[in-house]
PDB file of all heavy atoms in Angstrom:
ATOM      1  N   THR A   1     -17.358  -8.053   9.285  1.00  0.00           N
ATOM      2  CA  THR A   1     -17.397  -8.542  10.660  1.00  0.00           C
ATOM      3  C   THR A   1     -16.658  -9.863  10.813  1.00  0.00           C
ATOM      4  O   THR A   1     -16.099 -10.155  11.865  1.00  0.00           O
ATOM      5  CB  THR A   1     -18.862  -8.712  11.127  1.00  0.00           C
ATOM      6  OG1 THR A   1     -18.882  -9.064  12.506  1.00  0.00           O
ATOM      7  CG2 THR A   1     -19.580  -9.798  10.334  1.00  0.00           C
ATOM      8  N   SER A   2     -16.613 -10.670   9.743  1.00  0.00           N
ATOM      9  CA  SER A   2     -15.917 -11.956   9.833  1.00  0.00           C
ATOM     10  C   SER A   2     -14.733 -12.053   8.883  1.00  0.00           C
ATOM     11  O   SER A   2     -13.757 -12.735   9.182  1.00  0.00           O
ATOM     12  CB  SER A   2     -16.886 -13.110   9.535  1.00  0.00           C
ATOM     13  OG  SER A   2     -17.475 -12.947   8.254  1.00  0.00           O
ATOM     14  N   TYR A   3     -14.810 -11.379   7.731  1.00  0.00           N
ATOM     15  CA  TYR A   3     -13.731 -11.471   6.753  1.00  0.00           C
ATOM     16  C   TYR A   3     -12.659 -10.411   6.966  1.00  0.00           C
ATOM     17  O   TYR A   3     -11.604 -10.462   6.354  1.00  0.00           O
ATOM     18  CB  TYR A   3     -14.283 -11.322   5.326  1.00  0.00           C
ATOM     19  CG  TYR A   3     -15.258 -12.399   4.921  1.00  0.00           C
ATOM     20  CD1 TYR A   3     -16.103 -12.229   3.832  1.00  0.00           C
ATOM     21  CD2 TYR A   3     -15.345 -13.596   5.621  1.00  0.00           C
ATOM     22  CE1 TYR A   3     -16.996 -13.204   3.442  1.00  0.00           C
ATOM     23  CE2 TYR A   3     -16.250 -14.580   5.248  1.00  0.00           C
ATOM     24  CZ  TYR A   3     -17.075 -14.381   4.162  1.00  0.00           C
ATOM     25  OH  TYR A   3     -17.960 -15.340   3.780  1.00  0.00           O
ATOM     26  N   GLY A   4     -12.951  -9.444   7.822  1.00  0.00           N
ATOM     27  CA  GLY A   4     -11.992  -8.383   8.066  1.00  0.00           C
ATOM     28  C   GLY A   4     -12.142  -7.256   7.080  1.00  0.00           C
ATOM     29  O   GLY A   4     -12.914  -7.316   6.119  1.00  0.00           O
ATOM     30  N   THR A   5     -11.400  -6.197   7.301  1.00  0.00           N
ATOM     31  CA  THR A   5     -11.393  -5.066   6.384  1.00  0.00           C
ATOM     32  C   THR A   5      -9.953  -4.625   6.184  1.00  0.00           C
ATOM     33  O   THR A   5      -9.047  -5.071   6.886  1.00  0.00           O
ATOM     34  CB  THR A   5     -12.253  -3.914   6.930  1.00  0.00           C
ATOM     35  OG1 THR A   5     -12.358  -2.905   5.930  1.00  0.00           O
ATOM     36  CG2 THR A   5     -11.665  -3.302   8.188  1.00  0.00           C
ATOM     37  N   LEU A   6      -9.750  -3.757   5.229  1.00  0.00           N
ATOM     38  CA  LEU A   6      -8.407  -3.286   4.900  1.00  0.00           C
ATOM     39  C   LEU A   6      -7.474  -4.451   4.611  1.00  0.00           C
ATOM     40  O   LEU A   6      -7.804  -5.323   3.818  1.00  0.00           O
ATOM     41  CB  LEU A   6      -7.898  -2.375   6.014  1.00  0.00           C
ATOM     42  CG  LEU A   6      -8.836  -1.202   6.327  1.00  0.00           C
ATOM     43  CD1 LEU A   6      -8.315  -0.393   7.483  1.00  0.00           C
ATOM     44  CD2 LEU A   6      -9.018  -0.326   5.123  1.00  0.00           C
ATOM     45  N   ASP A   7      -6.318  -4.569   5.277  1.00  0.00           N
ATOM     46  CA  ASP A   7      -5.337  -5.573   4.848  1.00  0.00           C
ATOM     47  C   ASP A   7      -5.765  -6.998   5.163  1.00  0.00           C
ATOM     48  O   ASP A   7      -5.152  -7.946   4.688  1.00  0.00           O
ATOM     49  CB  ASP A   7      -3.967  -5.286   5.473  1.00  0.00           C
ATOM     50  CG  ASP A   7      -3.913  -5.588   6.964  1.00  0.00           C
ATOM     51  OD1 ASP A   7      -4.935  -5.392   7.632  1.00  0.00           O
ATOM     52  OD2 ASP A   7      -2.847  -5.988   7.442  1.00  0.00           O
ATOM     53  N   ASP A   8      -6.822  -7.180   5.972  1.00  0.00           N
ATOM     54  CA  ASP A   8      -7.307  -8.539   6.203  1.00  0.00           C
ATOM     55  C   ASP A   8      -7.891  -9.147   4.935  1.00  0.00           C
ATOM     56  O   ASP A   8      -8.074 -10.355   4.857  1.00  0.00           O
ATOM     57  CB  ASP A   8      -8.385  -8.537   7.287  1.00  0.00           C
ATOM     58  CG  ASP A   8      -7.784  -8.391   8.678  1.00  0.00           C
ATOM     59  OD1 ASP A   8      -6.555  -8.497   8.821  1.00  0.00           O
ATOM     60  OD2 ASP A   8      -8.563  -8.163   9.610  1.00  0.00           O
ATOM     61  N   GLY A   9      -8.220  -8.330   3.956  1.00  0.00           N
ATOM     62  CA  GLY A   9      -8.872  -8.842   2.758  1.00  0.00           C
ATOM     63  C   GLY A   9      -7.942  -9.068   1.589  1.00  0.00           C
ATOM     64  O   GLY A   9      -8.380  -9.547   0.558  1.00  0.00           O
ATOM     65  N   TYR A  10      -6.673  -8.712   1.719  1.00  0.00           N
ATOM     66  CA  TYR A  10      -5.775  -8.896   0.588  1.00  0.00           C
ATOM     67  C   TYR A  10      -4.437  -9.478   1.039  1.00  0.00           C
ATOM     68  O   TYR A  10      -4.069  -9.438   2.208  1.00  0.00           O
ATOM     69  CB  TYR A  10      -5.557  -7.571  -0.163  1.00  0.00           C
ATOM     70  CG  TYR A  10      -4.828  -6.509   0.624  1.00  0.00           C
ATOM     71  CD1 TYR A  10      -3.438  -6.517   0.698  1.00  0.00           C
ATOM     72  CD2 TYR A  10      -5.506  -5.500   1.286  1.00  0.00           C
ATOM     73  CE1 TYR A  10      -2.747  -5.566   1.408  1.00  0.00           C
ATOM     74  CE2 TYR A  10      -4.826  -4.529   2.000  1.00  0.00           C
ATOM     75  CZ  TYR A  10      -3.444  -4.568   2.061  1.00  0.00           C
ATOM     76  OH  TYR A  10      -2.769  -3.618   2.773  1.00  0.00           O
ATOM     77  N   VAL A  11      -3.717 -10.022   0.067  1.00  0.00           N
ATOM     78  CA  VAL A  11      -2.429 -10.657   0.332  1.00  0.00           C
ATOM     79  C   VAL A  11      -1.281  -9.769  -0.157  1.00  0.00           C
ATOM     80  O   VAL A  11      -0.289  -9.570   0.535  1.00  0.00           O
ATOM     81  CB  VAL A  11      -2.354 -12.037  -0.354  1.00  0.00           C
ATOM     82  CG1 VAL A  11      -0.993 -12.684  -0.117  1.00  0.00           C
ATOM     83  CG2 VAL A  11      -3.479 -12.939   0.151  1.00  0.00           C
ATOM     84  N   ASP A  12      -1.439  -9.221  -1.347  1.00  0.00           N
ATOM     85  CA  ASP A  12      -0.394  -8.382  -1.926  1.00  0.00           C
ATOM     86  C   ASP A  12      -1.031  -7.488  -2.978  1.00  0.00           C
ATOM     87  O   ASP A  12      -2.192  -7.698  -3.386  1.00  0.00           O
ATOM     88  CB  ASP A  12       0.698  -9.248  -2.545  1.00  0.00           C
ATOM     89  CG  ASP A  12       2.002  -8.493  -2.798  1.00  0.00           C
ATOM     90  OD1 ASP A  12       2.087  -7.322  -2.375  1.00  0.00           O
ATOM     91  OD2 ASP A  12       2.910  -9.068  -3.413  1.00  0.00           O
ATOM     92  N   ALA A  13      -0.304  -6.485  -3.415  1.00  0.00           N
ATOM     93  CA  ALA A  13      -0.795  -5.587  -4.455  1.00  0.00           C
ATOM     94  C   ALA A  13       0.388  -5.052  -5.245  1.00  0.00           C
ATOM     95  O   ALA A  13       1.512  -5.004  -4.754  1.00  0.00           O
ATOM     96  CB  ALA A  13      -1.591  -4.431  -3.837  1.00  0.00           C
ATOM     97  N   GLU A  14       0.104  -4.661  -6.477  1.00  0.00           N
ATOM     98  CA  GLU A  14       1.124  -4.103  -7.368  1.00  0.00           C
ATOM     99  C   GLU A  14       0.800  -2.644  -7.660  1.00  0.00           C
ATOM    100  O   GLU A  14      -0.374  -2.274  -7.814  1.00  0.00           O
ATOM    101  CB  GLU A  14       1.156  -4.889  -8.673  1.00  0.00           C
ATOM    102  CG  GLU A  14       2.176  -4.400  -9.694  1.00  0.00           C
ATOM    103  CD  GLU A  14       2.057  -5.147 -11.001  1.00  0.00           C
ATOM    104  OE1 GLU A  14       1.044  -4.957 -11.698  1.00  0.00           O
ATOM    105  OE2 GLU A  14       2.971  -5.915 -11.326  1.00  0.00           O
ATOM    106  N   PHE A  15       1.834  -1.818  -7.739  1.00  0.00           N
ATOM    107  CA  PHE A  15       1.654  -0.386  -7.940  1.00  0.00           C
ATOM    108  C   PHE A  15       2.639   0.132  -8.982  1.00  0.00           C
ATOM    109  O   PHE A  15       3.689  -0.460  -9.230  1.00  0.00           O
ATOM    110  CB  PHE A  15       1.908   0.391  -6.634  1.00  0.00           C
ATOM    111  CG  PHE A  15       0.983   0.032  -5.516  1.00  0.00           C
ATOM    112  CD1 PHE A  15       1.262  -1.050  -4.686  1.00  0.00           C
ATOM    113  CD2 PHE A  15      -0.171   0.771  -5.284  1.00  0.00           C
ATOM    114  CE1 PHE A  15       0.417  -1.382  -3.650  1.00  0.00           C
ATOM    115  CE2 PHE A  15      -1.025   0.448  -4.248  1.00  0.00           C
ATOM    116  CZ  PHE A  15      -0.736  -0.633  -3.427  1.00  0.00           C
ATOM    117  N   VAL A  16       2.279   1.289  -9.548  1.00  0.00           N
ATOM    118  CA  VAL A  16       3.210   2.106 -10.312  1.00  0.00           C
ATOM    119  C   VAL A  16       3.373   3.399  -9.539  1.00  0.00           C
ATOM    120  O   VAL A  16       2.386   4.096  -9.264  1.00  0.00           O
ATOM    121  CB  VAL A  16       2.702   2.392 -11.737  1.00  0.00           C
ATOM    122  CG1 VAL A  16       3.607   3.398 -12.445  1.00  0.00           C
ATOM    123  CG2 VAL A  16       2.616   1.093 -12.533  1.00  0.00           C
ATOM    124  N   ASN A  17       4.594   3.725  -9.146  1.00  0.00           N
ATOM    125  CA  ASN A  17       4.807   4.894  -8.300  1.00  0.00           C
ATOM    126  C   ASN A  17       4.780   6.191  -9.120  1.00  0.00           C
ATOM    127  O   ASN A  17       4.726   6.149 -10.355  1.00  0.00           O
ATOM    128  CB  ASN A  17       6.101   4.757  -7.493  1.00  0.00           C
ATOM    129  CG  ASN A  17       7.356   4.825  -8.342  1.00  0.00           C
ATOM    130  OD1 ASN A  17       7.347   5.319  -9.463  1.00  0.00           O
ATOM    131  ND2 ASN A  17       8.452   4.322  -7.813  1.00  0.00           N
ATOM    132  N   PRO A  18       4.794   7.347  -8.471  1.00  0.00           N
ATOM    133  CA  PRO A  18       4.699   8.626  -9.197  1.00  0.00           C
ATOM    134  C   PRO A  18       5.827   8.892 -10.176  1.00  0.00           C
ATOM    135  O   PRO A  18       5.737   9.805 -10.989  1.00  0.00           O
ATOM    136  CB  PRO A  18       4.694   9.665  -8.063  1.00  0.00           C
ATOM    137  CG  PRO A  18       4.126   8.934  -6.886  1.00  0.00           C
ATOM    138  CD  PRO A  18       4.692   7.550  -7.010  1.00  0.00           C
ATOM    139  N   GLN A  19       6.916   8.116 -10.107  1.00  0.00           N
ATOM    140  CA  GLN A  19       8.004   8.260 -11.070  1.00  0.00           C
ATOM    141  C   GLN A  19       7.843   7.332 -12.277  1.00  0.00           C
ATOM    142  O   GLN A  19       8.624   7.389 -13.221  1.00  0.00           O
ATOM    143  CB  GLN A  19       9.353   7.975 -10.387  1.00  0.00           C
ATOM    144  CG  GLN A  19       9.769   9.031  -9.365  1.00  0.00           C
ATOM    145  CD  GLN A  19       8.929   8.986  -8.098  1.00  0.00           C
ATOM    146  OE1 GLN A  19       8.719   7.902  -7.524  1.00  0.00           O
ATOM    147  NE2 GLN A  19       8.453  10.136  -7.655  1.00  0.00           N
ATOM    148  N   GLY A  20       6.836   6.443 -12.214  1.00  0.00           N
ATOM    149  CA  GLY A  20       6.602   5.527 -13.322  1.00  0.00           C
ATOM    150  C   GLY A  20       7.278   4.189 -13.157  1.00  0.00           C
ATOM    151  O   GLY A  20       7.402   3.436 -14.138  1.00  0.00           O
ATOM    152  N   ASP A  21       7.699   3.839 -11.947  1.00  0.00           N
ATOM    153  CA  ASP A  21       8.344   2.554 -11.686  1.00  0.00           C
ATOM    154  C   ASP A  21       7.395   1.628 -10.933  1.00  0.00           C
ATOM    155  O   ASP A  21       6.626   2.067 -10.074  1.00  0.00           O
ATOM    156  CB  ASP A  21       9.623   2.761 -10.868  1.00  0.00           C
ATOM    157  CG  ASP A  21      10.639   3.625 -11.601  1.00  0.00           C
ATOM    158  OD1 ASP A  21      10.807   3.419 -12.819  1.00  0.00           O
ATOM    159  OD2 ASP A  21      11.253   4.501 -10.957  1.00  0.00           O
ATOM    160  N   ARG A  22       7.518   0.354 -11.224  1.00  0.00           N
ATOM    161  CA  ARG A  22       6.631  -0.637 -10.620  1.00  0.00           C
ATOM    162  C   ARG A  22       7.179  -1.138  -9.279  1.00  0.00           C
ATOM    163  O   ARG A  22       8.384  -1.288  -9.121  1.00  0.00           O
ATOM    164  CB  ARG A  22       6.484  -1.819 -11.582  1.00  0.00           C
ATOM    165  CG  ARG A  22       5.290  -2.714 -11.307  1.00  0.00           C
ATOM    166  CD  ARG A  22       5.203  -3.859 -12.311  1.00  0.00           C
ATOM    167  NE  ARG A  22       5.469  -3.451 -13.695  1.00  0.00           N
ATOM    168  CZ  ARG A  22       5.300  -4.254 -14.736  1.00  0.00           C
ATOM    169  NH1 ARG A  22       4.891  -5.507 -14.552  1.00  0.00           N
ATOM    170  NH2 ARG A  22       5.571  -3.817 -15.948  1.00  0.00           N
ATOM    171  N   PHE A  23       6.277  -1.377  -8.329  1.00  0.00           N
ATOM    172  CA  PHE A  23       6.685  -2.014  -7.072  1.00  0.00           C
ATOM    173  C   PHE A  23       5.511  -2.800  -6.504  1.00  0.00           C
ATOM    174  O   PHE A  23       4.366  -2.612  -6.920  1.00  0.00           O
ATOM    175  CB  PHE A  23       7.196  -0.978  -6.058  1.00  0.00           C
ATOM    176  CG  PHE A  23       6.130  -0.083  -5.472  1.00  0.00           C
ATOM    177  CD1 PHE A  23       5.502  -0.400  -4.264  1.00  0.00           C
ATOM    178  CD2 PHE A  23       5.775   1.098  -6.111  1.00  0.00           C
ATOM    179  CE1 PHE A  23       4.540   0.439  -3.725  1.00  0.00           C
ATOM    180  CE2 PHE A  23       4.814   1.940  -5.571  1.00  0.00           C
ATOM    181  CZ  PHE A  23       4.187   1.608  -4.373  1.00  0.00           C
ATOM    182  N   ARG A  24       5.834  -3.677  -5.562  1.00  0.00           N
ATOM    183  CA  ARG A  24       4.800  -4.471  -4.906  1.00  0.00           C
ATOM    184  C   ARG A  24       4.701  -4.064  -3.443  1.00  0.00           C
ATOM    185  O   ARG A  24       5.652  -3.541  -2.846  1.00  0.00           O
ATOM    186  CB  ARG A  24       5.088  -5.965  -5.020  1.00  0.00           C
ATOM    187  CG  ARG A  24       5.192  -6.475  -6.454  1.00  0.00           C
ATOM    188  CD  ARG A  24       5.067  -7.991  -6.511  1.00  0.00           C
ATOM    189  NE  ARG A  24       3.732  -8.416  -6.157  1.00  0.00           N
ATOM    190  CZ  ARG A  24       2.702  -8.442  -7.021  1.00  0.00           C
ATOM    191  NH1 ARG A  24       2.863  -8.038  -8.276  1.00  0.00           N
ATOM    192  NH2 ARG A  24       1.522  -8.862  -6.634  1.00  0.00           N
ATOM    193  N   LEU A  25       3.553  -4.338  -2.870  1.00  0.00           N
ATOM    194  CA  LEU A  25       3.317  -3.957  -1.478  1.00  0.00           C
ATOM    195  C   LEU A  25       4.332  -4.606  -0.542  1.00  0.00           C
ATOM    196  O   LEU A  25       4.746  -4.022   0.450  1.00  0.00           O
ATOM    197  CB  LEU A  25       1.890  -4.361  -1.089  1.00  0.00           C
ATOM    198  CG  LEU A  25       1.327  -3.780   0.197  1.00  0.00           C
ATOM    199  CD1 LEU A  25       1.251  -2.271   0.131  1.00  0.00           C
ATOM    200  CD2 LEU A  25      -0.062  -4.359   0.465  1.00  0.00           C
ATOM    201  N   LYS A  26       4.742  -5.812  -0.877  1.00  0.00           N
ATOM    202  CA  LYS A  26       5.650  -6.562  -0.003  1.00  0.00           C
ATOM    203  C   LYS A  26       7.113  -6.148  -0.151  1.00  0.00           C
ATOM    204  O   LYS A  26       7.958  -6.581   0.633  1.00  0.00           O
ATOM    205  CB  LYS A  26       5.518  -8.063  -0.280  1.00  0.00           C
ATOM    206  CG  LYS A  26       4.182  -8.665   0.161  1.00  0.00           C
ATOM    207  CD  LYS A  26       4.153 -10.162  -0.124  1.00  0.00           C
ATOM    208  CE  LYS A  26       2.860 -10.801   0.354  1.00  0.00           C
ATOM    209  NZ  LYS A  26       2.814 -12.257   0.063  1.00  0.00           N
ATOM    210  N   ASP A  27       7.403  -5.321  -1.145  1.00  0.00           N
ATOM    211  CA  ASP A  27       8.793  -4.902  -1.344  1.00  0.00           C
ATOM    212  C   ASP A  27       9.243  -4.009  -0.190  1.00  0.00           C
ATOM    213  O   ASP A  27       8.698  -2.926   0.020  1.00  0.00           O
ATOM    214  CB  ASP A  27       8.950  -4.140  -2.669  1.00  0.00           C
ATOM    215  CG  ASP A  27       8.691  -5.022  -3.876  1.00  0.00           C
ATOM    216  OD1 ASP A  27       8.707  -6.260  -3.714  1.00  0.00           O
ATOM    217  OD2 ASP A  27       8.481  -4.476  -4.966  1.00  0.00           O
ATOM    218  N   LYS A  28      10.239  -4.430   0.547  1.00  0.00           N
ATOM    219  CA  LYS A  28      10.652  -3.702   1.749  1.00  0.00           C
ATOM    220  C   LYS A  28      11.286  -2.347   1.432  1.00  0.00           C
ATOM    221  O   LYS A  28      11.264  -1.434   2.253  1.00  0.00           O
ATOM    222  CB  LYS A  28      11.622  -4.556   2.559  1.00  0.00           C
ATOM    223  CG  LYS A  28      10.981  -5.806   3.144  1.00  0.00           C
ATOM    224  CD  LYS A  28      11.972  -6.607   3.983  1.00  0.00           C
ATOM    225  CE  LYS A  28      11.309  -7.840   4.570  1.00  0.00           C
ATOM    226  NZ  LYS A  28      12.250  -8.639   5.391  1.00  0.00           N
ATOM    227  N   LYS A  29      11.853  -2.215   0.252  1.00  0.00           N
ATOM    228  CA  LYS A  29      12.541  -0.965  -0.081  1.00  0.00           C
ATOM    229  C   LYS A  29      11.578   0.121  -0.555  1.00  0.00           C
ATOM    230  O   LYS A  29      11.971   1.278  -0.700  1.00  0.00           O
ATOM    231  CB  LYS A  29      13.575  -1.222  -1.172  1.00  0.00           C
ATOM    232  CG  LYS A  29      12.975  -1.671  -2.508  1.00  0.00           C
ATOM    233  CD  LYS A  29      14.045  -1.869  -3.568  1.00  0.00           C
ATOM    234  CE  LYS A  29      13.435  -2.313  -4.888  1.00  0.00           C
ATOM    235  NZ  LYS A  29      14.459  -2.480  -5.937  1.00  0.00           N
ATOM    236  N   GLU A  30      10.320  -0.242  -0.773  1.00  0.00           N
ATOM    237  CA  GLU A  30       9.366   0.717  -1.314  1.00  0.00           C
ATOM    238  C   GLU A  30       8.601   1.432  -0.210  1.00  0.00           C
ATOM    239  O   GLU A  30       8.767   1.132   0.973  1.00  0.00           O
ATOM    240  CB  GLU A  30       8.403  -0.025  -2.266  1.00  0.00           C
ATOM    241  CG  GLU A  30       9.088  -0.641  -3.469  1.00  0.00           C
ATOM    242  CD  GLU A  30       9.781   0.390  -4.353  1.00  0.00           C
ATOM    243  OE1 GLU A  30       9.436   1.579  -4.272  1.00  0.00           O
ATOM    244  OE2 GLU A  30      10.677  -0.001  -5.128  1.00  0.00           O
ATOM    245  N   PRO A  31       7.735   2.393  -0.559  1.00  0.00           N
ATOM    246  CA  PRO A  31       6.983   3.130   0.465  1.00  0.00           C
ATOM    247  C   PRO A  31       6.202   2.190   1.369  1.00  0.00           C
ATOM    248  O   PRO A  31       5.658   1.177   0.920  1.00  0.00           O
ATOM    249  CB  PRO A  31       6.033   4.008  -0.374  1.00  0.00           C
ATOM    250  CG  PRO A  31       6.705   4.152  -1.684  1.00  0.00           C
ATOM    251  CD  PRO A  31       7.439   2.863  -1.921  1.00  0.00           C
ATOM    252  N   ASP A  32       6.139   2.534   2.653  1.00  0.00           N
ATOM    253  CA  ASP A  32       5.441   1.706   3.637  1.00  0.00           C
ATOM    254  C   ASP A  32       3.953   2.036   3.614  1.00  0.00           C
ATOM    255  O   ASP A  32       3.483   2.899   4.343  1.00  0.00           O
ATOM    256  CB  ASP A  32       6.020   1.951   5.036  1.00  0.00           C
ATOM    257  CG  ASP A  32       5.366   1.060   6.088  1.00  0.00           C
ATOM    258  OD1 ASP A  32       4.609   0.140   5.694  1.00  0.00           O
ATOM    259  OD2 ASP A  32       5.591   1.288   7.286  1.00  0.00           O
ATOM    260  N   LEU A  33       3.208   1.331   2.763  1.00  0.00           N
ATOM    261  CA  LEU A  33       1.779   1.576   2.661  1.00  0.00           C
ATOM    262  C   LEU A  33       0.995   0.885   3.766  1.00  0.00           C
ATOM    263  O   LEU A  33      -0.211   1.098   3.886  1.00  0.00           O
ATOM    264  CB  LEU A  33       1.263   1.121   1.296  1.00  0.00           C
ATOM    265  CG  LEU A  33       1.878   1.822   0.082  1.00  0.00           C
ATOM    266  CD1 LEU A  33       1.162   1.399  -1.193  1.00  0.00           C
ATOM    267  CD2 LEU A  33       1.820   3.326   0.228  1.00  0.00           C
ATOM    268  N   TYR A  34       1.663   0.053   4.553  1.00  0.00           N
ATOM    269  CA  TYR A  34       0.985  -0.576   5.694  1.00  0.00           C
ATOM    270  C   TYR A  34       0.750   0.434   6.819  1.00  0.00           C
ATOM    271  O   TYR A  34      -0.134   0.266   7.643  1.00  0.00           O
ATOM    272  CB  TYR A  34       1.823  -1.732   6.247  1.00  0.00           C
ATOM    273  CG  TYR A  34       1.854  -2.955   5.368  1.00  0.00           C
ATOM    274  CD1 TYR A  34       3.039  -3.382   4.781  1.00  0.00           C
ATOM    275  CD2 TYR A  34       0.705  -3.697   5.139  1.00  0.00           C
ATOM    276  CE1 TYR A  34       3.078  -4.510   3.983  1.00  0.00           C
ATOM    277  CE2 TYR A  34       0.728  -4.831   4.345  1.00  0.00           C
ATOM    278  CZ  TYR A  34       1.919  -5.235   3.770  1.00  0.00           C
ATOM    279  OH  TYR A  34       1.953  -6.345   2.985  1.00  0.00           O
ATOM    280  N   ARG A  35       1.559   1.482   6.861  1.00  0.00           N
ATOM    281  CA  ARG A  35       1.482   2.449   7.950  1.00  0.00           C
ATOM    282  C   ARG A  35       0.254   3.335   7.792  1.00  0.00           C
ATOM    283  O   ARG A  35      -0.121   3.706   6.690  1.00  0.00           O
ATOM    284  CB  ARG A  35       2.748   3.315   7.951  1.00  0.00           C
ATOM    285  CG  ARG A  35       2.799   4.387   9.036  1.00  0.00           C
ATOM    286  CD  ARG A  35       4.112   5.142   8.964  1.00  0.00           C
ATOM    287  NE  ARG A  35       4.237   5.903   7.726  1.00  0.00           N
ATOM    288  CZ  ARG A  35       3.800   7.170   7.579  1.00  0.00           C
ATOM    289  NH1 ARG A  35       3.226   7.780   8.594  1.00  0.00           N
ATOM    290  NH2 ARG A  35       3.960   7.795   6.444  1.00  0.00           N
ATOM    291  N   PHE A  36      -0.363   3.686   8.925  1.00  0.00           N
ATOM    292  CA  PHE A  36      -1.441   4.662   8.906  1.00  0.00           C
ATOM    293  C   PHE A  36      -1.006   5.914   9.650  1.00  0.00           C
ATOM    294  O   PHE A  36      -0.435   5.834  10.743  1.00  0.00           O
ATOM    295  CB  PHE A  36      -2.718   4.110   9.571  1.00  0.00           C
ATOM    296  CG  PHE A  36      -3.787   5.158   9.751  1.00  0.00           C
ATOM    297  CD1 PHE A  36      -4.527   5.586   8.668  1.00  0.00           C
ATOM    298  CD2 PHE A  36      -4.028   5.732  10.996  1.00  0.00           C
ATOM    299  CE1 PHE A  36      -5.504   6.571   8.813  1.00  0.00           C
ATOM    300  CE2 PHE A  36      -5.005   6.714  11.149  1.00  0.00           C
ATOM    301  CZ  PHE A  36      -5.745   7.128  10.060  1.00  0.00           C
ATOM    302  N   ALA A  37      -1.258   7.070   9.066  1.00  0.00           N
ATOM    303  CA  ALA A  37      -0.992   8.344   9.721  1.00  0.00           C
ATOM    304  C   ALA A  37      -2.238   9.203   9.601  1.00  0.00           C
ATOM    305  O   ALA A  37      -2.840   9.286   8.521  1.00  0.00           O
ATOM    306  CB  ALA A  37       0.201   9.050   9.079  1.00  0.00           C
ATOM    307  N   ARG A  38      -2.621   9.816  10.692  1.00  0.00           N
ATOM    308  CA  ARG A  38      -3.842  10.628  10.690  1.00  0.00           C
ATOM    309  C   ARG A  38      -3.538  11.982  10.056  1.00  0.00           C
ATOM    310  O   ARG A  38      -3.384  12.990  10.728  1.00  0.00           O
ATOM    311  CB  ARG A  38      -4.375  10.790  12.107  1.00  0.00           C
ATOM    312  CG  ARG A  38      -5.800  11.316  12.168  1.00  0.00           C
ATOM    313  CD  ARG A  38      -6.310  11.302  13.604  1.00  0.00           C
ATOM    314  NE  ARG A  38      -7.638  11.840  13.645  1.00  0.00           N
ATOM    315  CZ  ARG A  38      -7.929  13.143  13.680  1.00  0.00           C
ATOM    316  NH1 ARG A  38      -6.941  14.025  13.688  1.00  0.00           N
ATOM    317  NH2 ARG A  38      -9.178  13.569  13.724  1.00  0.00           N
ATOM    318  N   GLU A  39      -3.440  11.928   8.731  1.00  0.00           N
ATOM    319  CA  GLU A  39      -3.067  13.117   7.974  1.00  0.00           C
ATOM    320  C   GLU A  39      -3.517  12.933   6.534  1.00  0.00           C
ATOM    321  O   GLU A  39      -3.810  11.813   6.100  1.00  0.00           O
ATOM    322  CB  GLU A  39      -1.546  13.317   8.015  1.00  0.00           C
ATOM    323  CG  GLU A  39      -0.791  12.160   7.379  1.00  0.00           C
ATOM    324  CD  GLU A  39       0.715  12.245   7.553  1.00  0.00           C
ATOM    325  OE1 GLU A  39       1.145  12.974   8.447  1.00  0.00           O
ATOM    326  OE2 GLU A  39       1.444  11.573   6.806  1.00  0.00           O
ATOM    327  N   ASP A  40      -3.582  14.025   5.805  1.00  0.00           N
ATOM    328  CA  ASP A  40      -3.870  13.951   4.376  1.00  0.00           C
ATOM    329  C   ASP A  40      -2.607  13.502   3.656  1.00  0.00           C
ATOM    330  O   ASP A  40      -1.552  14.117   3.791  1.00  0.00           O
ATOM    331  CB  ASP A  40      -4.338  15.309   3.854  1.00  0.00           C
ATOM    332  CG  ASP A  40      -5.673  15.726   4.451  1.00  0.00           C
ATOM    333  OD1 ASP A  40      -6.499  14.835   4.696  1.00  0.00           O
ATOM    334  OD2 ASP A  40      -5.878  16.932   4.677  1.00  0.00           O
ATOM    335  N   ARG A  41      -2.733  12.421   2.894  1.00  0.00           N
ATOM    336  CA  ARG A  41      -1.561  11.837   2.235  1.00  0.00           C
ATOM    337  C   ARG A  41      -1.698  11.948   0.718  1.00  0.00           C
ATOM    338  O   ARG A  41      -2.783  11.758   0.161  1.00  0.00           O
ATOM    339  CB  ARG A  41      -1.440  10.352   2.621  1.00  0.00           C
ATOM    340  CG  ARG A  41      -1.168  10.090   4.094  1.00  0.00           C
ATOM    341  CD  ARG A  41       0.303  10.023   4.395  1.00  0.00           C
ATOM    342  NE  ARG A  41       0.920   8.867   3.788  1.00  0.00           N
ATOM    343  CZ  ARG A  41       0.948   7.641   4.357  1.00  0.00           C
ATOM    344  NH1 ARG A  41       0.355   7.430   5.527  1.00  0.00           N
ATOM    345  NH2 ARG A  41       1.566   6.659   3.748  1.00  0.00           N
ATOM    346  N   PRO A  42      -0.611  12.210   0.015  1.00  0.00           N
ATOM    347  CA  PRO A  42      -0.661  12.206  -1.451  1.00  0.00           C
ATOM    348  C   PRO A  42      -0.744  10.772  -1.969  1.00  0.00           C
ATOM    349  O   PRO A  42      -0.501   9.803  -1.233  1.00  0.00           O
ATOM    350  CB  PRO A  42       0.664  12.861  -1.838  1.00  0.00           C
ATOM    351  CG  PRO A  42       1.585  12.516  -0.707  1.00  0.00           C
ATOM    352  CD  PRO A  42       0.729  12.541   0.532  1.00  0.00           C
ATOM    353  N   LEU A  43      -1.067  10.646  -3.226  1.00  0.00           N
ATOM    354  CA  LEU A  43      -1.141   9.337  -3.863  1.00  0.00           C
ATOM    355  C   LEU A  43       0.240   8.700  -3.894  1.00  0.00           C
ATOM    356  O   LEU A  43       1.190   9.271  -4.431  1.00  0.00           O
ATOM    357  CB  LEU A  43      -1.677   9.485  -5.296  1.00  0.00           C
ATOM    358  CG  LEU A  43      -1.896   8.202  -6.087  1.00  0.00           C
ATOM    359  CD1 LEU A  43      -3.062   7.417  -5.506  1.00  0.00           C
ATOM    360  CD2 LEU A  43      -2.163   8.532  -7.559  1.00  0.00           C
ATOM    361  N   ALA A  44       0.371   7.519  -3.267  1.00  0.00           N
ATOM    362  CA  ALA A  44       1.665   6.841  -3.221  1.00  0.00           C
ATOM    363  C   ALA A  44       1.954   6.062  -4.489  1.00  0.00           C
ATOM    364  O   ALA A  44       3.099   5.727  -4.778  1.00  0.00           O
ATOM    365  CB  ALA A  44       1.719   5.901  -2.012  1.00  0.00           C
ATOM    366  N   GLY A  45       0.916   5.748  -5.241  1.00  0.00           N
ATOM    367  CA  GLY A  45       1.104   4.987  -6.454  1.00  0.00           C
ATOM    368  C   GLY A  45      -0.235   4.565  -7.031  1.00  0.00           C
ATOM    369  O   GLY A  45      -1.267   4.634  -6.362  1.00  0.00           O
TER     370      GLY A  45
END
């Protein structure tokens, strides 16, 4: 209620994508994990 939820609680994150390469949430060239789509999504990393 005061600290927020989802992206309000974090600054950045690091991932390993399905090909085995590393990327960060802030990397503009990587998958847009900020986007929400009302659909079943595969694991992005």
